[in-house]
PDB file of all heavy atoms in Angstrom:
ATOM      1  N   ARG A   1      93.949  58.469 121.259  1.00  0.00           N
ATOM      2  CA  ARG A   1      94.269  57.340 122.113  1.00  0.00           C
ATOM      3  C   ARG A   1      93.328  57.296 123.320  1.00  0.00           C
ATOM      4  O   ARG A   1      92.909  56.226 123.742  1.00  0.00           O
ATOM      5  CB  ARG A   1      95.735  57.441 122.551  1.00  0.00           C
ATOM      6  CG  ARG A   1      96.214  56.332 123.385  1.00  0.00           C
ATOM      7  CD  ARG A   1      96.404  55.085 122.568  1.00  0.00           C
ATOM      8  NE  ARG A   1      96.356  53.937 123.445  1.00  0.00           N
ATOM      9  CZ  ARG A   1      96.112  52.728 123.049  1.00  0.00           C
ATOM     10  NH1 ARG A   1      95.912  52.474 121.799  1.00  0.00           N
ATOM     11  NH2 ARG A   1      96.069  51.755 123.900  1.00  0.00           N
ATOM     12  N   ALA A   2      93.026  58.455 123.886  1.00  0.00           N
ATOM     13  CA  ALA A   2      92.111  58.485 125.034  1.00  0.00           C
ATOM     14  C   ALA A   2      90.744  57.933 124.651  1.00  0.00           C
ATOM     15  O   ALA A   2      90.140  57.176 125.423  1.00  0.00           O
ATOM     16  CB  ALA A   2      91.977  59.914 125.558  1.00  0.00           C
ATOM     17  N   LYS A   3      90.257  58.285 123.468  1.00  0.00           N
ATOM     18  CA  LYS A   3      88.964  57.785 123.016  1.00  0.00           C
ATOM     19  C   LYS A   3      88.998  56.263 122.872  1.00  0.00           C
ATOM     20  O   LYS A   3      88.064  55.572 123.283  1.00  0.00           O
ATOM     21  CB  LYS A   3      88.577  58.446 121.697  1.00  0.00           C
ATOM     22  CG  LYS A   3      87.204  58.083 121.214  1.00  0.00           C
ATOM     23  CD  LYS A   3      86.869  58.854 119.941  1.00  0.00           C
ATOM     24  CE  LYS A   3      85.476  58.487 119.456  1.00  0.00           C
ATOM     25  NZ  LYS A   3      85.147  59.212 118.227  1.00  0.00           N
ATOM     26  N   ALA A   4      90.070  55.736 122.284  1.00  0.00           N
ATOM     27  CA  ALA A   4      90.196  54.285 122.094  1.00  0.00           C
ATOM     28  C   ALA A   4      90.172  53.547 123.427  1.00  0.00           C
ATOM     29  O   ALA A   4      89.648  52.438 123.528  1.00  0.00           O
ATOM     30  CB  ALA A   4      91.470  53.969 121.331  1.00  0.00           C
ATOM     31  N   ASP A   5      90.738  54.171 124.465  1.00  0.00           N
ATOM     32  CA  ASP A   5      90.758  53.563 125.801  1.00  0.00           C
ATOM     33  C   ASP A   5      89.552  53.972 126.640  1.00  0.00           C
ATOM     34  O   ASP A   5      89.504  53.700 127.842  1.00  0.00           O
ATOM     35  CB  ASP A   5      92.050  53.931 126.530  1.00  0.00           C
ATOM     36  CG  ASP A   5      93.256  53.203 125.980  1.00  0.00           C
ATOM     37  OD1 ASP A   5      93.074  52.138 125.345  1.00  0.00           O
ATOM     38  OD2 ASP A   5      94.388  53.687 126.180  1.00  0.00           O
ATOM     39  N   ARG A   6      88.595  54.663 126.015  1.00  0.00           N
ATOM     40  CA  ARG A   6      87.365  55.106 126.676  1.00  0.00           C
ATOM     41  C   ARG A   6      87.634  55.957 127.931  1.00  0.00           C
ATOM     42  O   ARG A   6      86.973  55.801 128.955  1.00  0.00           O
ATOM     43  CB  ARG A   6      86.472  53.916 127.006  1.00  0.00           C
ATOM     44  CG  ARG A   6      85.993  53.193 125.774  1.00  0.00           C
ATOM     45  CD  ARG A   6      85.031  52.074 126.124  1.00  0.00           C
ATOM     46  NE  ARG A   6      84.687  51.350 124.914  1.00  0.00           N
ATOM     47  CZ  ARG A   6      85.009  50.087 124.707  1.00  0.00           C
ATOM     48  NH1 ARG A   6      85.658  49.401 125.603  1.00  0.00           N
ATOM     49  NH2 ARG A   6      84.669  49.489 123.581  1.00  0.00           N
ATOM     50  N   LEU A   7      88.613  56.828 127.814  1.00  0.00           N
ATOM     51  CA  LEU A   7      88.931  57.736 128.915  1.00  0.00           C
ATOM     52  C   LEU A   7      88.183  59.055 128.714  1.00  0.00           C
ATOM     53  O   LEU A   7      88.191  59.607 127.608  1.00  0.00           O
ATOM     54  CB  LEU A   7      90.436  57.991 128.982  1.00  0.00           C
ATOM     55  CG  LEU A   7      91.299  56.774 129.262  1.00  0.00           C
ATOM     56  CD1 LEU A   7      92.772  57.124 129.111  1.00  0.00           C
ATOM     57  CD2 LEU A   7      91.022  56.224 130.655  1.00  0.00           C
ATOM     58  N   PRO A   8      87.566  59.574 129.754  1.00  0.00           N
ATOM     59  CA  PRO A   8      86.810  60.830 129.622  1.00  0.00           C
ATOM     60  C   PRO A   8      87.739  62.040 129.676  1.00  0.00           C
ATOM     61  O   PRO A   8      87.813  62.750 130.672  1.00  0.00           O
ATOM     62  CB  PRO A   8      85.870  60.783 130.834  1.00  0.00           C
ATOM     63  CG  PRO A   8      86.652  60.009 131.856  1.00  0.00           C
ATOM     64  CD  PRO A   8      87.448  58.982 131.081  1.00  0.00           C
ATOM     65  N   VAL A   9      88.460  62.270 128.601  1.00  0.00           N
ATOM     66  CA  VAL A   9      89.430  63.358 128.537  1.00  0.00           C
ATOM     67  C   VAL A   9      88.994  64.338 127.461  1.00  0.00           C
ATOM     68  O   VAL A   9      88.572  63.937 126.380  1.00  0.00           O
ATOM     69  CB  VAL A   9      90.836  62.814 128.199  1.00  0.00           C
ATOM     70  CG1 VAL A   9      91.840  63.943 128.059  1.00  0.00           C
ATOM     71  CG2 VAL A   9      91.300  61.825 129.253  1.00  0.00           C
ATOM     72  N   THR A  10      89.107  65.626 127.772  1.00  0.00           N
ATOM     73  CA  THR A  10      88.846  66.664 126.791  1.00  0.00           C
ATOM     74  C   THR A  10      90.160  67.366 126.493  1.00  0.00           C
ATOM     75  O   THR A  10      90.855  67.795 127.426  1.00  0.00           O
ATOM     76  CB  THR A  10      87.827  67.693 127.337  1.00  0.00           C
ATOM     77  OG1 THR A  10      86.618  66.992 127.659  1.00  0.00           O
ATOM     78  CG2 THR A  10      87.555  68.782 126.315  1.00  0.00           C
ATOM     79  N   PHE A  11      90.508  67.450 125.232  1.00  0.00           N
ATOM     80  CA  PHE A  11      91.710  68.151 124.817  1.00  0.00           C
ATOM     81  C   PHE A  11      91.302  69.432 124.112  1.00  0.00           C
ATOM     82  O   PHE A  11      90.328  69.454 123.364  1.00  0.00           O
ATOM     83  CB  PHE A  11      92.535  67.289 123.849  1.00  0.00           C
ATOM     84  CG  PHE A  11      93.102  66.055 124.477  1.00  0.00           C
ATOM     85  CD1 PHE A  11      92.437  64.843 124.389  1.00  0.00           C
ATOM     86  CD2 PHE A  11      94.295  66.110 125.169  1.00  0.00           C
ATOM     87  CE1 PHE A  11      92.952  63.700 124.965  1.00  0.00           C
ATOM     88  CE2 PHE A  11      94.818  64.974 125.760  1.00  0.00           C
ATOM     89  CZ  PHE A  11      94.156  63.765 125.654  1.00  0.00           C
ATOM     90  N   GLN A  12      92.053  70.512 124.375  1.00  0.00           N
ATOM     91  CA  GLN A  12      91.776  71.783 123.716  1.00  0.00           C
ATOM     92  C   GLN A  12      93.086  72.482 123.442  1.00  0.00           C
ATOM     93  O   GLN A  12      93.914  72.638 124.344  1.00  0.00           O
ATOM     94  CB  GLN A  12      90.883  72.660 124.598  1.00  0.00           C
ATOM     95  CG  GLN A  12      90.481  73.939 123.910  1.00  0.00           C
ATOM     96  CD  GLN A  12      89.450  74.722 124.697  1.00  0.00           C
ATOM     97  OE1 GLN A  12      88.752  74.179 125.555  1.00  0.00           O
ATOM     98  NE2 GLN A  12      89.326  75.996 124.395  1.00  0.00           N
ATOM     99  N   GLU A  13      93.278  72.890 122.210  1.00  0.00           N
ATOM    100  CA  GLU A  13      94.467  73.645 121.847  1.00  0.00           C
ATOM    101  C   GLU A  13      94.274  75.099 122.243  1.00  0.00           C
ATOM    102  O   GLU A  13      93.171  75.626 122.185  1.00  0.00           O
ATOM    103  CB  GLU A  13      94.711  73.560 120.349  1.00  0.00           C
ATOM    104  CG  GLU A  13      95.087  72.171 119.879  1.00  0.00           C
ATOM    105  CD  GLU A  13      95.336  72.119 118.386  1.00  0.00           C
ATOM    106  OE1 GLU A  13      95.748  73.144 117.808  1.00  0.00           O
ATOM    107  OE2 GLU A  13      95.112  71.052 117.810  1.00  0.00           O
ATOM    108  N   ALA A  14      95.398  75.744 122.616  1.00  0.00           N
ATOM    109  CA  ALA A  14      95.344  77.155 122.979  1.00  0.00           C
ATOM    110  C   ALA A  14      96.744  77.742 122.903  1.00  0.00           C
ATOM    111  O   ALA A  14      97.735  77.010 122.866  1.00  0.00           O
ATOM    112  CB  ALA A  14      94.781  77.320 124.389  1.00  0.00           C
ATOM    113  N   ASP A  15      96.831  79.053 122.894  1.00  0.00           N
ATOM    114  CA  ASP A  15      98.106  79.758 122.916  1.00  0.00           C
ATOM    115  C   ASP A  15      98.699  79.610 124.315  1.00  0.00           C
ATOM    116  O   ASP A  15      98.128  80.081 125.293  1.00  0.00           O
ATOM    117  CB  ASP A  15      97.863  81.237 122.583  1.00  0.00           C
ATOM    118  CG  ASP A  15      99.134  82.077 122.611  1.00  0.00           C
ATOM    119  OD1 ASP A  15     100.183  81.621 123.112  1.00  0.00           O
ATOM    120  OD2 ASP A  15      99.075  83.222 122.118  1.00  0.00           O
ATOM    121  N   ALA A  16      99.846  78.966 124.396  1.00  0.00           N
ATOM    122  CA  ALA A  16     100.450  78.672 125.705  1.00  0.00           C
ATOM    123  C   ALA A  16     100.861  79.914 126.471  1.00  0.00           C
ATOM    124  O   ALA A  16     101.032  79.856 127.690  1.00  0.00           O
ATOM    125  CB  ALA A  16     101.658  77.752 125.524  1.00  0.00           C
ATOM    126  N   GLU A  17     100.996  81.040 125.793  1.00  0.00           N
ATOM    127  CA  GLU A  17     101.363  82.274 126.482  1.00  0.00           C
ATOM    128  C   GLU A  17     100.151  83.087 126.920  1.00  0.00           C
ATOM    129  O   GLU A  17     100.301  84.084 127.619  1.00  0.00           O
ATOM    130  CB  GLU A  17     102.250  83.137 125.584  1.00  0.00           C
ATOM    131  CG  GLU A  17     103.608  82.526 125.335  1.00  0.00           C
ATOM    132  CD  GLU A  17     104.470  83.385 124.414  1.00  0.00           C
ATOM    133  OE1 GLU A  17     104.149  84.578 124.209  1.00  0.00           O
ATOM    134  OE2 GLU A  17     105.451  82.848 123.899  1.00  0.00           O
ATOM    135  N   ASP A  18      98.966  82.651 126.514  1.00  0.00           N
ATOM    136  CA  ASP A  18      97.742  83.379 126.843  1.00  0.00           C
ATOM    137  C   ASP A  18      96.580  82.395 126.862  1.00  0.00           C
ATOM    138  O   ASP A  18      95.696  82.431 126.002  1.00  0.00           O
ATOM    139  CB  ASP A  18      97.501  84.491 125.813  1.00  0.00           C
ATOM    140  CG  ASP A  18      96.328  85.386 126.171  1.00  0.00           C
ATOM    141  OD1 ASP A  18      95.947  85.449 127.364  1.00  0.00           O
ATOM    142  OD2 ASP A  18      95.771  86.005 125.244  1.00  0.00           O
ATOM    143  N   LEU A  19      96.583  81.519 127.833  1.00  0.00           N
ATOM    144  CA  LEU A  19      95.574  80.461 127.901  1.00  0.00           C
ATOM    145  C   LEU A  19      94.203  81.055 128.235  1.00  0.00           C
ATOM    146  O   LEU A  19      94.080  81.833 129.175  1.00  0.00           O
ATOM    147  CB  LEU A  19      95.968  79.412 128.939  1.00  0.00           C
ATOM    148  CG  LEU A  19      97.243  78.626 128.596  1.00  0.00           C
ATOM    149  CD1 LEU A  19      97.666  77.730 129.762  1.00  0.00           C
ATOM    150  CD2 LEU A  19      97.032  77.795 127.333  1.00  0.00           C
ATOM    151  N   PRO A  20      93.178  80.690 127.465  1.00  0.00           N
ATOM    152  CA  PRO A  20      91.846  81.279 127.649  1.00  0.00           C
ATOM    153  C   PRO A  20      91.020  80.552 128.710  1.00  0.00           C
ATOM    154  O   PRO A  20      89.853  80.226 128.489  1.00  0.00           O
ATOM    155  CB  PRO A  20      91.221  81.098 126.250  1.00  0.00           C
ATOM    156  CG  PRO A  20      91.825  79.831 125.750  1.00  0.00           C
ATOM    157  CD  PRO A  20      93.246  79.825 126.285  1.00  0.00           C
ATOM    158  N   PHE A  21      91.624  80.305 129.858  1.00  0.00           N
ATOM    159  CA  PHE A  21      90.969  79.559 130.925  1.00  0.00           C
ATOM    160  C   PHE A  21      91.133  80.308 132.240  1.00  0.00           C
ATOM    161  O   PHE A  21      92.115  81.010 132.454  1.00  0.00           O
ATOM    162  CB  PHE A  21      91.572  78.157 131.062  1.00  0.00           C
ATOM    163  CG  PHE A  21      91.659  77.416 129.763  1.00  0.00           C
ATOM    164  CD1 PHE A  21      92.886  77.121 129.205  1.00  0.00           C
ATOM    165  CD2 PHE A  21      90.515  77.021 129.089  1.00  0.00           C
ATOM    166  CE1 PHE A  21      92.986  76.442 127.993  1.00  0.00           C
ATOM    167  CE2 PHE A  21      90.593  76.344 127.879  1.00  0.00           C
ATOM    168  CZ  PHE A  21      91.831  76.055 127.335  1.00  0.00           C
ATOM    169  N   ALA A  22      90.187  80.089 133.131  1.00  0.00           N
ATOM    170  CA  ALA A  22      90.243  80.712 134.461  1.00  0.00           C
ATOM    171  C   ALA A  22      91.379  80.105 135.283  1.00  0.00           C
ATOM    172  O   ALA A  22      91.832  78.991 135.010  1.00  0.00           O
ATOM    173  CB  ALA A  22      88.909  80.502 135.179  1.00  0.00           C
ATOM    174  N   ASP A  23      91.786  80.837 136.301  1.00  0.00           N
ATOM    175  CA  ASP A  23      92.794  80.325 137.234  1.00  0.00           C
ATOM    176  C   ASP A  23      92.322  79.001 137.818  1.00  0.00           C
ATOM    177  O   ASP A  23      91.125  78.813 138.091  1.00  0.00           O
ATOM    178  CB  ASP A  23      93.014  81.323 138.383  1.00  0.00           C
ATOM    179  CG  ASP A  23      93.637  82.631 137.921  1.00  0.00           C
ATOM    180  OD1 ASP A  23      93.951  82.769 136.720  1.00  0.00           O
ATOM    181  OD2 ASP A  23      93.792  83.528 138.768  1.00  0.00           O
ATOM    182  N   ALA A  24      93.269  78.089 138.028  1.00  0.00           N
ATOM    183  CA  ALA A  24      93.015  76.804 138.705  1.00  0.00           C
ATOM    184  C   ALA A  24      91.890  76.001 138.035  1.00  0.00           C
ATOM    185  O   ALA A  24      91.101  75.357 138.708  1.00  0.00           O
ATOM    186  CB  ALA A  24      92.730  77.031 140.187  1.00  0.00           C
ATOM    187  N   SER A  25      91.838  76.014 136.712  1.00  0.00           N
ATOM    188  CA  SER A  25      90.770  75.329 135.971  1.00  0.00           C
ATOM    189  C   SER A  25      90.993  73.826 135.793  1.00  0.00           C
ATOM    190  O   SER A  25      90.037  73.101 135.548  1.00  0.00           O
ATOM    191  CB  SER A  25      90.636  75.926 134.567  1.00  0.00           C
ATOM    192  OG  SER A  25      90.225  77.256 134.619  1.00  0.00           O
ATOM    193  N   PHE A  26      92.237  73.363 135.879  1.00  0.00           N
ATOM    194  CA  PHE A  26      92.526  72.000 135.460  1.00  0.00           C
ATOM    195  C   PHE A  26      93.274  71.196 136.515  1.00  0.00           C
ATOM    196  O   PHE A  26      94.141  71.713 137.217  1.00  0.00           O
ATOM    197  CB  PHE A  26      93.361  72.010 134.174  1.00  0.00           C
ATOM    198  CG  PHE A  26      92.649  72.636 133.021  1.00  0.00           C
ATOM    199  CD1 PHE A  26      92.894  73.949 132.674  1.00  0.00           C
ATOM    200  CD2 PHE A  26      91.717  71.917 132.295  1.00  0.00           C
ATOM    201  CE1 PHE A  26      92.226  74.538 131.622  1.00  0.00           C
ATOM    202  CE2 PHE A  26      91.042  72.501 131.234  1.00  0.00           C
ATOM    203  CZ  PHE A  26      91.300  73.813 130.902  1.00  0.00           C
ATOM    204  N   ASP A  27      92.940  69.915 136.568  1.00  0.00           N
ATOM    205  CA  ASP A  27      93.689  68.977 137.400  1.00  0.00           C
ATOM    206  C   ASP A  27      95.023  68.655 136.755  1.00  0.00           C
ATOM    207  O   ASP A  27      96.022  68.432 137.433  1.00  0.00           O
ATOM    208  CB  ASP A  27      92.915  67.660 137.562  1.00  0.00           C
ATOM    209  CG  ASP A  27      91.601  67.844 138.276  1.00  0.00           C
ATOM    210  OD1 ASP A  27      91.520  68.730 139.145  1.00  0.00           O
ATOM    211  OD2 ASP A  27      90.650  67.105 137.961  1.00  0.00           O
ATOM    212  N   VAL A  28      95.028  68.591 135.414  1.00  0.00           N
ATOM    213  CA  VAL A  28      96.234  68.246 134.656  1.00  0.00           C
ATOM    214  C   VAL A  28      96.358  69.192 133.468  1.00  0.00           C
ATOM    215  O   VAL A  28      95.387  69.445 132.762  1.00  0.00           O
ATOM    216  CB  VAL A  28      96.179  66.792 134.140  1.00  0.00           C
ATOM    217  CG1 VAL A  28      97.381  66.476 133.264  1.00  0.00           C
ATOM    218  CG2 VAL A  28      96.091  65.813 135.299  1.00  0.00           C
ATOM    219  N   VAL A  29      97.553  69.685 133.258  1.00  0.00           N
ATOM    220  CA  VAL A  29      97.897  70.498 132.097  1.00  0.00           C
ATOM    221  C   VAL A  29      99.021  69.754 131.394  1.00  0.00           C
ATOM    222  O   VAL A  29      99.993  69.355 132.038  1.00  0.00           O
ATOM    223  CB  VAL A  29      98.350  71.919 132.517  1.00  0.00           C
ATOM    224  CG1 VAL A  29      98.693  72.759 131.306  1.00  0.00           C
ATOM    225  CG2 VAL A  29      97.291  72.592 133.370  1.00  0.00           C
ATOM    226  N   LEU A  30      98.891  69.550 130.083  1.00  0.00           N
ATOM    227  CA  LEU A  30      99.803  68.663 129.373  1.00  0.00           C
ATOM    228  C   LEU A  30     100.389  69.315 128.139  1.00  0.00           C
ATOM    229  O   LEU A  30      99.680  69.975 127.379  1.00  0.00           O
ATOM    230  CB  LEU A  30      99.039  67.397 128.957  1.00  0.00           C
ATOM    231  CG  LEU A  30      99.778  66.341 128.180  1.00  0.00           C
ATOM    232  CD1 LEU A  30     100.881  65.714 129.031  1.00  0.00           C
ATOM    233  CD2 LEU A  30      98.794  65.274 127.706  1.00  0.00           C
ATOM    234  N   SER A  31     101.689  69.090 127.918  1.00  0.00           N
ATOM    235  CA  SER A  31     102.347  69.530 126.695  1.00  0.00           C
ATOM    236  C   SER A  31     103.378  68.479 126.298  1.00  0.00           C
ATOM    237  O   SER A  31     104.298  68.178 127.064  1.00  0.00           O
ATOM    238  CB  SER A  31     103.045  70.875 126.894  1.00  0.00           C
ATOM    239  OG  SER A  31     103.827  71.166 125.745  1.00  0.00           O
ATOM    240  N   THR A  32     103.223  67.955 125.107  1.00  0.00           N
ATOM    241  CA  THR A  32     104.186  66.991 124.593  1.00  0.00           C
ATOM    242  C   THR A  32     104.931  67.650 123.441  1.00  0.00           C
ATOM    243  O   THR A  32     104.380  67.821 122.350  1.00  0.00           O
ATOM    244  CB  THR A  32     103.468  65.711 124.107  1.00  0.00           C
ATOM    245  OG1 THR A  32     102.669  65.208 125.184  1.00  0.00           O
ATOM    246  CG2 THR A  32     104.454  64.657 123.669  1.00  0.00           C
ATOM    247  N   PHE A  33     106.164  68.078 123.704  1.00  0.00           N
ATOM    248  CA  PHE A  33     107.020  68.737 122.713  1.00  0.00           C
ATOM    249  C   PHE A  33     106.307  69.918 122.070  1.00  0.00           C
ATOM    250  O   PHE A  33     106.386  70.125 120.867  1.00  0.00           O
ATOM    251  CB  PHE A  33     107.495  67.735 121.642  1.00  0.00           C
ATOM    252  CG  PHE A  33     108.138  66.512 122.210  1.00  0.00           C
ATOM    253  CD1 PHE A  33     107.533  65.269 122.061  1.00  0.00           C
ATOM    254  CD2 PHE A  33     109.326  66.593 122.909  1.00  0.00           C
ATOM    255  CE1 PHE A  33     108.114  64.127 122.592  1.00  0.00           C
ATOM    256  CE2 PHE A  33     109.917  65.461 123.444  1.00  0.00           C
ATOM    257  CZ  PHE A  33     109.310  64.218 123.286  1.00  0.00           C
ATOM    258  N   GLY A  34     105.593  70.704 122.879  1.00  0.00           N
ATOM    259  CA  GLY A  34     104.846  71.835 122.344  1.00  0.00           C
ATOM    260  C   GLY A  34     105.202  73.154 122.983  1.00  0.00           C
ATOM    261  O   GLY A  34     105.714  74.059 122.328  1.00  0.00           O
ATOM    262  N   VAL A  35     104.940  73.280 124.289  1.00  0.00           N
ATOM    263  CA  VAL A  35     105.139  74.560 124.974  1.00  0.00           C
ATOM    264  C   VAL A  35     106.598  75.018 124.877  1.00  0.00           C
ATOM    265  O   VAL A  35     106.874  76.213 124.921  1.00  0.00           O
ATOM    266  CB  VAL A  35     104.663  74.484 126.452  1.00  0.00           C
ATOM    267  CG1 VAL A  35     105.587  73.648 127.303  1.00  0.00           C
ATOM    268  CG2 VAL A  35     104.485  75.877 127.032  1.00  0.00           C
ATOM    269  N   MET A  36     107.487  74.091 124.676  1.00  0.00           N
ATOM    270  CA  MET A  36     108.909  74.441 124.588  1.00  0.00           C
ATOM    271  C   MET A  36     109.212  75.377 123.412  1.00  0.00           C
ATOM    272  O   MET A  36     110.259  76.010 123.379  1.00  0.00           O
ATOM    273  CB  MET A  36     109.762  73.177 124.519  1.00  0.00           C
ATOM    274  CG  MET A  36     109.538  72.309 123.307  1.00  0.00           C
ATOM    275  SD  MET A  36     110.422  70.736 123.358  1.00  0.00           S
ATOM    276  CE  MET A  36     112.094  71.270 123.159  1.00  0.00           C
ATOM    277  N   PHE A  37     108.294  75.490 122.454  1.00  0.00           N
ATOM    278  CA  PHE A  37     108.512  76.329 121.281  1.00  0.00           C
ATOM    279  C   PHE A  37     107.947  77.739 121.437  1.00  0.00           C
ATOM    280  O   PHE A  37     107.954  78.512 120.479  1.00  0.00           O
ATOM    281  CB  PHE A  37     107.922  75.659 120.032  1.00  0.00           C
ATOM    282  CG  PHE A  37     108.694  74.432 119.631  1.00  0.00           C
ATOM    283  CD1 PHE A  37     108.223  73.178 119.961  1.00  0.00           C
ATOM    284  CD2 PHE A  37     109.897  74.540 118.955  1.00  0.00           C
ATOM    285  CE1 PHE A  37     108.940  72.045 119.606  1.00  0.00           C
ATOM    286  CE2 PHE A  37     110.619  73.415 118.596  1.00  0.00           C
ATOM    287  CZ  PHE A  37     110.138  72.160 118.926  1.00  0.00           C
TER     288      PHE A  37
END
C-alpha cells in the first residue's frame, strides 16, 4: 500500500523479542496483529 501511495517507507521483518537494530533507530515502529503473538 505504501508503494501504491508513493510513500518512502521501508518495511523489514524481524524477531520482535530480539530486534536486530540499534537503540533509537526508528521514528515509527509498527505491528499489526503481530507482536501480540
